[in-house]
Amino acid sequence: IHVSPDRFSHLFRESMGAAPLQYINEIR
């Protein structure tokens, strides 16, 4: 989505209520 990793982590946590790795591991 063409953003920095820091901006992405903030955006993801704000929208999904979890950090990206936590979300991925829960899917797994």
mmCIF file of all heavy atoms, coordinates in Angstrom:
data_MODEL
# 
_entry.id   MODEL 
# 
loop_
_atom_site.group_PDB 
_atom_site.id 
_atom_site.type_symbol 
_atom_site.label_atom_id 
_atom_site.label_alt_id 
_atom_site.label_comp_id 
_atom_site.label_asym_id 
_atom_site.label_entity_id 
_atom_site.label_seq_id 
_atom_site.pdbx_PDB_ins_code 
_atom_site.Cartn_x 
_atom_site.Cartn_y 
_atom_site.Cartn_z 
_atom_site.occupancy 
_atom_site.B_iso_or_equiv 
_atom_site.pdbx_formal_charge 
_atom_site.auth_seq_id 
_atom_site.auth_comp_id 
_atom_site.auth_asym_id 
_atom_site.auth_atom_id 
_atom_site.pdbx_PDB_model_num 
ATOM 1   N N   . ILE A 1 1  ? 0.826  -1.217  0.000  1.00 0.00 ? 1  ILE A N   1 
ATOM 2   C CA  . ILE A 1 1  ? 0.000  0.000   0.000  1.00 0.00 ? 1  ILE A CA  1 
ATOM 3   C C   . ILE A 1 1  ? 0.861  1.267   0.000  1.00 0.00 ? 1  ILE A C   1 
ATOM 4   O O   . ILE A 1 1  ? 0.371  2.356   0.274  1.00 0.00 ? 1  ILE A O   1 
ATOM 5   C CB  . ILE A 1 1  ? -0.989 0.013   1.186  1.00 0.00 ? 1  ILE A CB  1 
ATOM 6   C CG1 . ILE A 1 1  ? -0.264 -0.121  2.527  1.00 0.00 ? 1  ILE A CG1 1 
ATOM 7   C CG2 . ILE A 1 1  ? -2.009 -1.111  1.038  1.00 0.00 ? 1  ILE A CG2 1 
ATOM 8   C CD1 . ILE A 1 1  ? -1.198 0.048   3.725  1.00 0.00 ? 1  ILE A CD1 1 
ATOM 9   N N   . HIS A 1 2  ? 2.159  1.080   -0.266 1.00 0.00 ? 2  HIS A N   1 
ATOM 10  C CA  . HIS A 1 2  ? 3.078  2.204   -0.508 1.00 0.00 ? 2  HIS A CA  1 
ATOM 11  C C   . HIS A 1 2  ? 3.176  3.160   0.677  1.00 0.00 ? 2  HIS A C   1 
ATOM 12  O O   . HIS A 1 2  ? 3.064  4.384   0.527  1.00 0.00 ? 2  HIS A O   1 
ATOM 13  C CB  . HIS A 1 2  ? 2.646  2.965   -1.775 1.00 0.00 ? 2  HIS A CB  1 
ATOM 14  C CG  . HIS A 1 2  ? 2.393  2.074   -2.944 1.00 0.00 ? 2  HIS A CG  1 
ATOM 15  N ND1 . HIS A 1 2  ? 3.388  1.359   -3.579 1.00 0.00 ? 2  HIS A ND1 1 
ATOM 16  C CD2 . HIS A 1 2  ? 1.233  1.756   -3.594 1.00 0.00 ? 2  HIS A CD2 1 
ATOM 17  C CE1 . HIS A 1 2  ? 2.869  0.661   -4.568 1.00 0.00 ? 2  HIS A CE1 1 
ATOM 18  N NE2 . HIS A 1 2  ? 1.567  0.861   -4.596 1.00 0.00 ? 2  HIS A NE2 1 
ATOM 19  N N   . VAL A 1 3  ? 3.387  2.590   1.868  1.00 0.00 ? 3  VAL A N   1 
ATOM 20  C CA  . VAL A 1 3  ? 3.650  3.408   3.060  1.00 0.00 ? 3  VAL A CA  1 
ATOM 21  C C   . VAL A 1 3  ? 4.876  2.836   3.756  1.00 0.00 ? 3  VAL A C   1 
ATOM 22  O O   . VAL A 1 3  ? 5.321  1.721   3.457  1.00 0.00 ? 3  VAL A O   1 
ATOM 23  C CB  . VAL A 1 3  ? 2.441  3.412   4.037  1.00 0.00 ? 3  VAL A CB  1 
ATOM 24  C CG1 . VAL A 1 3  ? 1.224  4.053   3.406  1.00 0.00 ? 3  VAL A CG1 1 
ATOM 25  C CG2 . VAL A 1 3  ? 2.110  2.000   4.519  1.00 0.00 ? 3  VAL A CG2 1 
ATOM 26  N N   . SER A 1 4  ? 5.414  3.597   4.702  1.00 0.00 ? 4  SER A N   1 
ATOM 27  C CA  . SER A 1 4  ? 6.574  3.119   5.450  1.00 0.00 ? 4  SER A CA  1 
ATOM 28  C C   . SER A 1 4  ? 6.151  2.008   6.406  1.00 0.00 ? 4  SER A C   1 
ATOM 29  O O   . SER A 1 4  ? 4.982  1.937   6.805  1.00 0.00 ? 4  SER A O   1 
ATOM 30  C CB  . SER A 1 4  ? 7.191  4.268   6.250  1.00 0.00 ? 4  SER A CB  1 
ATOM 31  O OG  . SER A 1 4  ? 6.330  4.634   7.317  1.00 0.00 ? 4  SER A OG  1 
ATOM 32  N N   . PRO A 1 5  ? 7.072  1.120   6.814  1.00 0.00 ? 5  PRO A N   1 
ATOM 33  C CA  . PRO A 1 5  ? 6.740  0.059   7.770  1.00 0.00 ? 5  PRO A CA  1 
ATOM 34  C C   . PRO A 1 5  ? 6.159  0.594   9.072  1.00 0.00 ? 5  PRO A C   1 
ATOM 35  O O   . PRO A 1 5  ? 5.224  0.009   9.623  1.00 0.00 ? 5  PRO A O   1 
ATOM 36  C CB  . PRO A 1 5  ? 8.086  -0.640  7.999  1.00 0.00 ? 5  PRO A CB  1 
ATOM 37  C CG  . PRO A 1 5  ? 8.827  -0.435  6.708  1.00 0.00 ? 5  PRO A CG  1 
ATOM 38  C CD  . PRO A 1 5  ? 8.443  0.952   6.269  1.00 0.00 ? 5  PRO A CD  1 
ATOM 39  N N   . ASP A 1 6  ? 6.705  1.717   9.570  1.00 0.00 ? 6  ASP A N   1 
ATOM 40  C CA  . ASP A 1 6  ? 6.183  2.286   10.821 1.00 0.00 ? 6  ASP A CA  1 
ATOM 41  C C   . ASP A 1 6  ? 4.755  2.782   10.633 1.00 0.00 ? 6  ASP A C   1 
ATOM 42  O O   . ASP A 1 6  ? 3.889  2.550   11.491 1.00 0.00 ? 6  ASP A O   1 
ATOM 43  C CB  . ASP A 1 6  ? 7.075  3.446   11.287 1.00 0.00 ? 6  ASP A CB  1 
ATOM 44  C CG  . ASP A 1 6  ? 8.396  2.963   11.865 1.00 0.00 ? 6  ASP A CG  1 
ATOM 45  O OD1 . ASP A 1 6  ? 8.505  1.752   12.162 1.00 0.00 ? 6  ASP A OD1 1 
ATOM 46  O OD2 . ASP A 1 6  ? 9.313  3.793   12.006 1.00 0.00 ? 6  ASP A OD2 1 
ATOM 47  N N   . ARG A 1 7  ? 4.505  3.483   9.541  1.00 0.00 ? 7  ARG A N   1 
ATOM 48  C CA  . ARG A 1 7  ? 3.157  3.983   9.258  1.00 0.00 ? 7  ARG A CA  1 
ATOM 49  C C   . ARG A 1 7  ? 2.194  2.810   9.067  1.00 0.00 ? 7  ARG A C   1 
ATOM 50  O O   . ARG A 1 7  ? 1.054  2.837   9.543  1.00 0.00 ? 7  ARG A O   1 
ATOM 51  C CB  . ARG A 1 7  ? 3.181  4.866   8.012  1.00 0.00 ? 7  ARG A CB  1 
ATOM 52  C CG  . ARG A 1 7  ? 1.806  5.274   7.478  1.00 0.00 ? 7  ARG A CG  1 
ATOM 53  C CD  . ARG A 1 7  ? 1.012  6.062   8.503  1.00 0.00 ? 7  ARG A CD  1 
ATOM 54  N NE  . ARG A 1 7  ? -0.301 6.402   7.997  1.00 0.00 ? 7  ARG A NE  1 
ATOM 55  C CZ  . ARG A 1 7  ? -1.362 6.614   8.767  1.00 0.00 ? 7  ARG A CZ  1 
ATOM 56  N NH1 . ARG A 1 7  ? -1.267 6.511   10.080 1.00 0.00 ? 7  ARG A NH1 1 
ATOM 57  N NH2 . ARG A 1 7  ? -2.527 6.931   8.231  1.00 0.00 ? 7  ARG A NH2 1 
ATOM 58  N N   . PHE A 1 8  ? 2.664  1.781   8.392  1.00 0.00 ? 8  PHE A N   1 
ATOM 59  C CA  . PHE A 1 8  ? 1.829  0.603   8.168  1.00 0.00 ? 8  PHE A CA  1 
ATOM 60  C C   . PHE A 1 8  ? 1.446  -0.063  9.491  1.00 0.00 ? 8  PHE A C   1 
ATOM 61  O O   . PHE A 1 8  ? 0.280  -0.414  9.699  1.00 0.00 ? 8  PHE A O   1 
ATOM 62  C CB  . PHE A 1 8  ? 2.554  -0.402  7.274  1.00 0.00 ? 8  PHE A CB  1 
ATOM 63  C CG  . PHE A 1 8  ? 1.874  -1.737  7.221  1.00 0.00 ? 8  PHE A CG  1 
ATOM 64  C CD1 . PHE A 1 8  ? 0.699  -1.894  6.495  1.00 0.00 ? 8  PHE A CD1 1 
ATOM 65  C CD2 . PHE A 1 8  ? 2.381  -2.823  7.922  1.00 0.00 ? 8  PHE A CD2 1 
ATOM 66  C CE1 . PHE A 1 8  ? 0.049  -3.123  6.464  1.00 0.00 ? 8  PHE A CE1 1 
ATOM 67  C CE2 . PHE A 1 8  ? 1.735  -4.049  7.890  1.00 0.00 ? 8  PHE A CE2 1 
ATOM 68  C CZ  . PHE A 1 8  ? 0.568  -4.198  7.165  1.00 0.00 ? 8  PHE A CZ  1 
ATOM 69  N N   . SER A 1 9  ? 2.411  -0.254  10.379 1.00 0.00 ? 9  SER A N   1 
ATOM 70  C CA  . SER A 1 9  ? 2.132  -0.897  11.667 1.00 0.00 ? 9  SER A CA  1 
ATOM 71  C C   . SER A 1 9  ? 1.090  -0.117  12.453 1.00 0.00 ? 9  SER A C   1 
ATOM 72  O O   . SER A 1 9  ? 0.174  -0.697  13.049 1.00 0.00 ? 9  SER A O   1 
ATOM 73  C CB  . SER A 1 9  ? 3.422  -1.029  12.488 1.00 0.00 ? 9  SER A CB  1 
ATOM 74  O OG  . SER A 1 9  ? 4.313  -1.923  11.874 1.00 0.00 ? 9  SER A OG  1 
ATOM 75  N N   . HIS A 1 10 ? 1.206  1.204   12.455 1.00 0.00 ? 10 HIS A N   1 
ATOM 76  C CA  . HIS A 1 10 ? 0.240  2.044   13.163 1.00 0.00 ? 10 HIS A CA  1 
ATOM 77  C C   . HIS A 1 10 ? -1.145 1.928   12.539 1.00 0.00 ? 10 HIS A C   1 
ATOM 78  O O   . HIS A 1 10 ? -2.151 1.772   13.241 1.00 0.00 ? 10 HIS A O   1 
ATOM 79  C CB  . HIS A 1 10 ? 0.712  3.498   13.152 1.00 0.00 ? 10 HIS A CB  1 
ATOM 80  C CG  . HIS A 1 10 ? -0.268 4.453   13.769 1.00 0.00 ? 10 HIS A CG  1 
ATOM 81  N ND1 . HIS A 1 10 ? -0.421 4.583   15.141 1.00 0.00 ? 10 HIS A ND1 1 
ATOM 82  C CD2 . HIS A 1 10 ? -1.170 5.312   13.210 1.00 0.00 ? 10 HIS A CD2 1 
ATOM 83  C CE1 . HIS A 1 10 ? -1.360 5.481   15.392 1.00 0.00 ? 10 HIS A CE1 1 
ATOM 84  N NE2 . HIS A 1 10 ? -1.835 5.939   14.244 1.00 0.00 ? 10 HIS A NE2 1 
ATOM 85  N N   . LEU A 1 11 ? -1.197 2.001   11.217 1.00 0.00 ? 11 LEU A N   1 
ATOM 86  C CA  . LEU A 1 11 ? -2.464 1.932   10.494 1.00 0.00 ? 11 LEU A CA  1 
ATOM 87  C C   . LEU A 1 11 ? -3.134 0.583   10.719 1.00 0.00 ? 11 LEU A C   1 
ATOM 88  O O   . LEU A 1 11 ? -4.348 0.504   10.956 1.00 0.00 ? 11 LEU A O   1 
ATOM 89  C CB  . LEU A 1 11 ? -2.206 2.150   8.999  1.00 0.00 ? 11 LEU A CB  1 
ATOM 90  C CG  . LEU A 1 11 ? -3.404 2.059   8.047  1.00 0.00 ? 11 LEU A CG  1 
ATOM 91  C CD1 . LEU A 1 11 ? -4.379 3.178   8.329  1.00 0.00 ? 11 LEU A CD1 1 
ATOM 92  C CD2 . LEU A 1 11 ? -2.914 2.118   6.596  1.00 0.00 ? 11 LEU A CD2 1 
ATOM 93  N N   . PHE A 1 12 ? -2.356 -0.488  10.665 1.00 0.00 ? 12 PHE A N   1 
ATOM 94  C CA  . PHE A 1 12 ? -2.902 -1.835  10.823 1.00 0.00 ? 12 PHE A CA  1 
ATOM 95  C C   . PHE A 1 12 ? -3.448 -2.026  12.229 1.00 0.00 ? 12 PHE A C   1 
ATOM 96  O O   . PHE A 1 12 ? -4.565 -2.522  12.423 1.00 0.00 ? 12 PHE A O   1 
ATOM 97  C CB  . PHE A 1 12 ? -1.820 -2.873  10.533 1.00 0.00 ? 12 PHE A CB  1 
ATOM 98  C CG  . PHE A 1 12 ? -2.352 -4.265  10.345 1.00 0.00 ? 12 PHE A CG  1 
ATOM 99  C CD1 . PHE A 1 12 ? -2.588 -4.753  9.072  1.00 0.00 ? 12 PHE A CD1 1 
ATOM 100 C CD2 . PHE A 1 12 ? -2.621 -5.086  11.430 1.00 0.00 ? 12 PHE A CD2 1 
ATOM 101 C CE1 . PHE A 1 12 ? -3.087 -6.040  8.880  1.00 0.00 ? 12 PHE A CE1 1 
ATOM 102 C CE2 . PHE A 1 12 ? -3.120 -6.366  11.252 1.00 0.00 ? 12 PHE A CE2 1 
ATOM 103 C CZ  . PHE A 1 12 ? -3.358 -6.841  9.977  1.00 0.00 ? 12 PHE A CZ  1 
ATOM 104 N N   . ARG A 1 13 ? -2.672 -1.638  13.232 1.00 0.00 ? 13 ARG A N   1 
ATOM 105 C CA  . ARG A 1 13 ? -3.120 -1.812  14.622 1.00 0.00 ? 13 ARG A CA  1 
ATOM 106 C C   . ARG A 1 13 ? -4.368 -0.977  14.909 1.00 0.00 ? 13 ARG A C   1 
ATOM 107 O O   . ARG A 1 13 ? -5.281 -1.432  15.594 1.00 0.00 ? 13 ARG A O   1 
ATOM 108 C CB  . ARG A 1 13 ? -1.998 -1.436  15.586 1.00 0.00 ? 13 ARG A CB  1 
ATOM 109 C CG  . ARG A 1 13 ? -2.311 -1.713  17.049 1.00 0.00 ? 13 ARG A CG  1 
ATOM 110 C CD  . ARG A 1 13 ? -1.170 -1.233  17.944 1.00 0.00 ? 13 ARG A CD  1 
ATOM 111 N NE  . ARG A 1 13 ? 0.019  -2.023  17.784 1.00 0.00 ? 13 ARG A NE  1 
ATOM 112 C CZ  . ARG A 1 13 ? 0.252  -3.149  18.448 1.00 0.00 ? 13 ARG A CZ  1 
ATOM 113 N NH1 . ARG A 1 13 ? -0.646 -3.604  19.313 1.00 0.00 ? 13 ARG A NH1 1 
ATOM 114 N NH2 . ARG A 1 13 ? 1.369  -3.816  18.270 1.00 0.00 ? 13 ARG A NH2 1 
ATOM 115 N N   . GLU A 1 14 ? -4.428 0.223   14.361 1.00 0.00 ? 14 GLU A N   1 
ATOM 116 C CA  . GLU A 1 14 ? -5.573 1.101   14.578 1.00 0.00 ? 14 GLU A CA  1 
ATOM 117 C C   . GLU A 1 14 ? -6.832 0.502   13.971 1.00 0.00 ? 14 GLU A C   1 
ATOM 118 O O   . GLU A 1 14 ? -7.923 0.569   14.554 1.00 0.00 ? 14 GLU A O   1 
ATOM 119 C CB  . GLU A 1 14 ? -5.295 2.471   13.959 1.00 0.00 ? 14 GLU A CB  1 
ATOM 120 C CG  . GLU A 1 14 ? -6.419 3.472   14.152 1.00 0.00 ? 14 GLU A CG  1 
ATOM 121 C CD  . GLU A 1 14 ? -6.128 4.803   13.477 1.00 0.00 ? 14 GLU A CD  1 
ATOM 122 O OE1 . GLU A 1 14 ? -5.749 4.815   12.284 1.00 0.00 ? 14 GLU A OE1 1 
ATOM 123 O OE2 . GLU A 1 14 ? -6.280 5.842   14.142 1.00 0.00 ? 14 GLU A OE2 1 
ATOM 124 N N   . SER A 1 15 ? -6.727 -0.110  12.795 1.00 0.00 ? 15 SER A N   1 
ATOM 125 C CA  . SER A 1 15 ? -7.894 -0.636  12.093 1.00 0.00 ? 15 SER A CA  1 
ATOM 126 C C   . SER A 1 15 ? -8.291 -2.028  12.555 1.00 0.00 ? 15 SER A C   1 
ATOM 127 O O   . SER A 1 15 ? -9.477 -2.353  12.625 1.00 0.00 ? 15 SER A O   1 
ATOM 128 C CB  . SER A 1 15 ? -7.628 -0.657  10.585 1.00 0.00 ? 15 SER A CB  1 
ATOM 129 O OG  . SER A 1 15 ? -7.394 0.633   10.092 1.00 0.00 ? 15 SER A OG  1 
ATOM 130 N N   . MET A 1 16 ? -7.321 -2.878  12.848 1.00 0.00 ? 16 MET A N   1 
ATOM 131 C CA  . MET A 1 16 ? -7.585 -4.283  13.129 1.00 0.00 ? 16 MET A CA  1 
ATOM 132 C C   . MET A 1 16 ? -7.510 -4.640  14.606 1.00 0.00 ? 16 MET A C   1 
ATOM 133 O O   . MET A 1 16 ? -7.890 -5.746  15.001 1.00 0.00 ? 16 MET A O   1 
ATOM 134 C CB  . MET A 1 16 ? -6.608 -5.169  12.346 1.00 0.00 ? 16 MET A CB  1 
ATOM 135 C CG  . MET A 1 16 ? -6.623 -4.944  10.844 1.00 0.00 ? 16 MET A CG  1 
ATOM 136 S SD  . MET A 1 16 ? -8.271 -5.128  10.111 1.00 0.00 ? 16 MET A SD  1 
ATOM 137 C CE  . MET A 1 16 ? -8.614 -6.830  10.505 1.00 0.00 ? 16 MET A CE  1 
ATOM 138 N N   . GLY A 1 17 ? -6.999 -3.739  15.435 1.00 0.00 ? 17 GLY A N   1 
ATOM 139 C CA  . GLY A 1 17 ? -6.926 -4.012  16.869 1.00 0.00 ? 17 GLY A CA  1 
ATOM 140 C C   . GLY A 1 17 ? -5.824 -4.985  17.238 1.00 0.00 ? 17 GLY A C   1 
ATOM 141 O O   . GLY A 1 17 ? -5.825 -5.543  18.341 1.00 0.00 ? 17 GLY A O   1 
ATOM 142 N N   . ALA A 1 18 ? -4.876 -5.216  16.338 1.00 0.00 ? 18 ALA A N   1 
ATOM 143 C CA  . ALA A 1 18 ? -3.775 -6.140  16.602 1.00 0.00 ? 18 ALA A CA  1 
ATOM 144 C C   . ALA A 1 18 ? -2.597 -5.761  15.718 1.00 0.00 ? 18 ALA A C   1 
ATOM 145 O O   . ALA A 1 18 ? -2.768 -5.161  14.655 1.00 0.00 ? 18 ALA A O   1 
ATOM 146 C CB  . ALA A 1 18 ? -4.198 -7.581  16.314 1.00 0.00 ? 18 ALA A CB  1 
ATOM 147 N N   . ALA A 1 19 ? -1.382 -6.113  16.164 1.00 0.00 ? 19 ALA A N   1 
ATOM 148 C CA  . ALA A 1 19 ? -0.198 -5.891  15.350 1.00 0.00 ? 19 ALA A CA  1 
ATOM 149 C C   . ALA A 1 19 ? -0.228 -6.853  14.156 1.00 0.00 ? 19 ALA A C   1 
ATOM 150 O O   . ALA A 1 19 ? -0.839 -7.921  14.233 1.00 0.00 ? 19 ALA A O   1 
ATOM 151 C CB  . ALA A 1 19 ? 1.060  -6.114  16.183 1.00 0.00 ? 19 ALA A CB  1 
ATOM 152 N N   . PRO A 1 20 ? 0.427  -6.499  13.050 1.00 0.00 ? 20 PRO A N   1 
ATOM 153 C CA  . PRO A 1 20 ? 0.397  -7.367  11.862 1.00 0.00 ? 20 PRO A CA  1 
ATOM 154 C C   . PRO A 1 20 ? 0.828  -8.804  12.139 1.00 0.00 ? 20 PRO A C   1 
ATOM 155 O O   . PRO A 1 20 ? 0.159  -9.746  11.710 1.00 0.00 ? 20 PRO A O   1 
ATOM 156 C CB  . PRO A 1 20 ? 1.359  -6.664  10.895 1.00 0.00 ? 20 PRO A CB  1 
ATOM 157 C CG  . PRO A 1 20 ? 1.306  -5.225  11.298 1.00 0.00 ? 20 PRO A CG  1 
ATOM 158 C CD  . PRO A 1 20 ? 1.144  -5.233  12.779 1.00 0.00 ? 20 PRO A CD  1 
ATOM 159 N N   . LEU A 1 21 ? 1.931  -8.996  12.874 1.00 0.00 ? 21 LEU A N   1 
ATOM 160 C CA  . LEU A 1 21 ? 2.402  -10.357 13.145 1.00 0.00 ? 21 LEU A CA  1 
ATOM 161 C C   . LEU A 1 21 ? 1.405  -11.127 13.995 1.00 0.00 ? 21 LEU A C   1 
ATOM 162 O O   . LEU A 1 21 ? 1.174  -12.323 13.769 1.00 0.00 ? 21 LEU A O   1 
ATOM 163 C CB  . LEU A 1 21 ? 3.769  -10.324 13.829 1.00 0.00 ? 21 LEU A CB  1 
ATOM 164 C CG  . LEU A 1 21 ? 4.370  -11.707 14.144 1.00 0.00 ? 21 LEU A CG  1 
ATOM 165 C CD1 . LEU A 1 21 ? 4.526  -12.536 12.880 1.00 0.00 ? 21 LEU A CD1 1 
ATOM 166 C CD2 . LEU A 1 21 ? 5.716  -11.557 14.865 1.00 0.00 ? 21 LEU A CD2 1 
ATOM 167 N N   . GLN A 1 22 ? 0.800  -10.461 14.977 1.00 0.00 ? 22 GLN A N   1 
ATOM 168 C CA  . GLN A 1 22 ? -0.216 -11.121 15.800 1.00 0.00 ? 22 GLN A CA  1 
ATOM 169 C C   . GLN A 1 22 ? -1.392 -11.566 14.939 1.00 0.00 ? 22 GLN A C   1 
ATOM 170 O O   . GLN A 1 22 ? -1.888 -12.683 15.067 1.00 0.00 ? 22 GLN A O   1 
ATOM 171 C CB  . GLN A 1 22 ? -0.701 -10.181 16.903 1.00 0.00 ? 22 GLN A CB  1 
ATOM 172 C CG  . GLN A 1 22 ? -1.802 -10.787 17.787 1.00 0.00 ? 22 GLN A CG  1 
ATOM 173 C CD  . GLN A 1 22 ? -2.378 -9.777  18.769 1.00 0.00 ? 22 GLN A CD  1 
ATOM 174 O OE1 . GLN A 1 22 ? -1.799 -8.708  18.990 1.00 0.00 ? 22 GLN A OE1 1 
ATOM 175 N NE2 . GLN A 1 22 ? -3.520 -10.098 19.349 1.00 0.00 ? 22 GLN A NE2 1 
ATOM 176 N N   . TYR A 1 23 ? -1.815 -10.698 14.040 1.00 0.00 ? 23 TYR A N   1 
ATOM 177 C CA  . TYR A 1 23 ? -2.924 -11.029 13.134 1.00 0.00 ? 23 TYR A CA  1 
ATOM 178 C C   . TYR A 1 23 ? -2.567 -12.226 12.260 1.00 0.00 ? 23 TYR A C   1 
ATOM 179 O O   . TYR A 1 23 ? -3.360 -13.167 12.104 1.00 0.00 ? 23 TYR A O   1 
ATOM 180 C CB  . TYR A 1 23 ? -3.249 -9.811  12.270 1.00 0.00 ? 23 TYR A CB  1 
ATOM 181 C CG  . TYR A 1 23 ? -4.355 -10.029 11.265 1.00 0.00 ? 23 TYR A CG  1 
ATOM 182 C CD1 . TYR A 1 23 ? -5.679 -9.765  11.589 1.00 0.00 ? 23 TYR A CD1 1 
ATOM 183 C CD2 . TYR A 1 23 ? -4.075 -10.497 9.972  1.00 0.00 ? 23 TYR A CD2 1 
ATOM 184 C CE1 . TYR A 1 23 ? -6.701 -9.954  10.661 1.00 0.00 ? 23 TYR A CE1 1 
ATOM 185 C CE2 . TYR A 1 23 ? -5.081 -10.694 9.044  1.00 0.00 ? 23 TYR A CE2 1 
ATOM 186 C CZ  . TYR A 1 23 ? -6.390 -10.425 9.390  1.00 0.00 ? 23 TYR A CZ  1 
ATOM 187 O OH  . TYR A 1 23 ? -7.402 -10.622 8.483  1.00 0.00 ? 23 TYR A OH  1 
ATOM 188 N N   . ILE A 1 24 ? -1.371 -12.211 11.691 1.00 0.00 ? 24 ILE A N   1 
ATOM 189 C CA  . ILE A 1 24 ? -0.931 -13.307 10.826 1.00 0.00 ? 24 ILE A CA  1 
ATOM 190 C C   . ILE A 1 24 ? -0.876 -14.614 11.602 1.00 0.00 ? 24 ILE A C   1 
ATOM 191 O O   . ILE A 1 24 ? -1.334 -15.666 11.128 1.00 0.00 ? 24 ILE A O   1 
ATOM 192 C CB  . ILE A 1 24 ? 0.440  -12.990 10.211 1.00 0.00 ? 24 ILE A CB  1 
ATOM 193 C CG1 . ILE A 1 24 ? 0.333  -11.800 9.251  1.00 0.00 ? 24 ILE A CG1 1 
ATOM 194 C CG2 . ILE A 1 24 ? 1.009  -14.206 9.491  1.00 0.00 ? 24 ILE A CG2 1 
ATOM 195 C CD1 . ILE A 1 24 ? 1.669  -11.232 8.816  1.00 0.00 ? 24 ILE A CD1 1 
ATOM 196 N N   . ASN A 1 25 ? -0.316 -14.579 12.811 1.00 0.00 ? 25 ASN A N   1 
ATOM 197 C CA  . ASN A 1 25 ? -0.217 -15.799 13.607 1.00 0.00 ? 25 ASN A CA  1 
ATOM 198 C C   . ASN A 1 25 ? -1.587 -16.332 14.005 1.00 0.00 ? 25 ASN A C   1 
ATOM 199 O O   . ASN A 1 25 ? -1.799 -17.553 14.064 1.00 0.00 ? 25 ASN A O   1 
ATOM 200 C CB  . ASN A 1 25 ? 0.641  -15.557 14.849 1.00 0.00 ? 25 ASN A CB  1 
ATOM 201 C CG  . ASN A 1 25 ? 2.129  -15.567 14.526 1.00 0.00 ? 25 ASN A CG  1 
ATOM 202 O OD1 . ASN A 1 25 ? 2.555  -16.196 13.551 1.00 0.00 ? 25 ASN A OD1 1 
ATOM 203 N ND2 . ASN A 1 25 ? 2.915  -14.882 15.331 1.00 0.00 ? 25 ASN A ND2 1 
ATOM 204 N N   . GLU A 1 26 ? -2.544 -15.437 14.274 1.00 0.00 ? 26 GLU A N   1 
ATOM 205 C CA  . GLU A 1 26 ? -3.893 -15.894 14.613 1.00 0.00 ? 26 GLU A CA  1 
ATOM 206 C C   . GLU A 1 26 ? -4.552 -16.556 13.400 1.00 0.00 ? 26 GLU A C   1 
ATOM 207 O O   . GLU A 1 26 ? -5.252 -17.561 13.539 1.00 0.00 ? 26 GLU A O   1 
ATOM 208 C CB  . GLU A 1 26 ? -4.731 -14.727 15.131 1.00 0.00 ? 26 GLU A CB  1 
ATOM 209 C CG  . GLU A 1 26 ? -4.312 -14.264 16.518 1.00 0.00 ? 26 GLU A CG  1 
ATOM 210 C CD  . GLU A 1 26 ? -5.184 -13.146 17.062 1.00 0.00 ? 26 GLU A CD  1 
ATOM 211 O OE1 . GLU A 1 26 ? -6.180 -12.787 16.400 1.00 0.00 ? 26 GLU A OE1 1 
ATOM 212 O OE2 . GLU A 1 26 ? -4.864 -12.634 18.157 1.00 0.00 ? 26 GLU A OE2 1 
ATOM 213 N N   . ILE A 1 27 ? -4.321 -16.000 12.213 1.00 0.00 ? 27 ILE A N   1 
ATOM 214 C CA  . ILE A 1 27 ? -4.822 -16.638 10.988 1.00 0.00 ? 27 ILE A CA  1 
ATOM 215 C C   . ILE A 1 27 ? -4.220 -18.035 10.862 1.00 0.00 ? 27 ILE A C   1 
ATOM 216 O O   . ILE A 1 27 ? -4.915 -19.022 10.583 1.00 0.00 ? 27 ILE A O   1 
ATOM 217 C CB  . ILE A 1 27 ? -4.460 -15.791 9.750  1.00 0.00 ? 27 ILE A CB  1 
ATOM 218 C CG1 . ILE A 1 27 ? -5.218 -14.456 9.752  1.00 0.00 ? 27 ILE A CG1 1 
ATOM 219 C CG2 . ILE A 1 27 ? -4.740 -16.575 8.455  1.00 0.00 ? 27 ILE A CG2 1 
ATOM 220 C CD1 . ILE A 1 27 ? -6.705 -14.582 9.515  1.00 0.00 ? 27 ILE A CD1 1 
ATOM 221 N N   . ARG A 1 28 ? -2.918 -18.142 11.083 1.00 0.00 ? 28 ARG A N   1 
ATOM 222 C CA  . ARG A 1 28 ? -2.233 -19.433 10.972 1.00 0.00 ? 28 ARG A CA  1 
ATOM 223 C C   . ARG A 1 28 ? -2.774 -20.441 11.989 1.00 0.00 ? 28 ARG A C   1 
ATOM 224 O O   . ARG A 1 28 ? -3.008 -21.613 11.648 1.00 0.00 ? 28 ARG A O   1 
ATOM 225 C CB  . ARG A 1 28 ? -0.736 -19.233 11.177 1.00 0.00 ? 28 ARG A CB  1 
ATOM 226 C CG  . ARG A 1 28 ? -0.050 -18.504 10.034 1.00 0.00 ? 28 ARG A CG  1 
ATOM 227 C CD  . ARG A 1 28 ? 1.364  -18.092 10.399 1.00 0.00 ? 28 ARG A CD  1 
ATOM 228 N NE  . ARG A 1 28 ? 2.092  -17.578 9.239  1.00 0.00 ? 28 ARG A NE  1 
ATOM 229 C CZ  . ARG A 1 28 ? 3.215  -16.885 9.319  1.00 0.00 ? 28 ARG A CZ  1 
ATOM 230 N NH1 . ARG A 1 28 ? 3.737  -16.596 10.508 1.00 0.00 ? 28 ARG A NH1 1 
ATOM 231 N NH2 . ARG A 1 28 ? 3.816  -16.460 8.218  1.00 0.00 ? 28 ARG A NH2 1 
# 
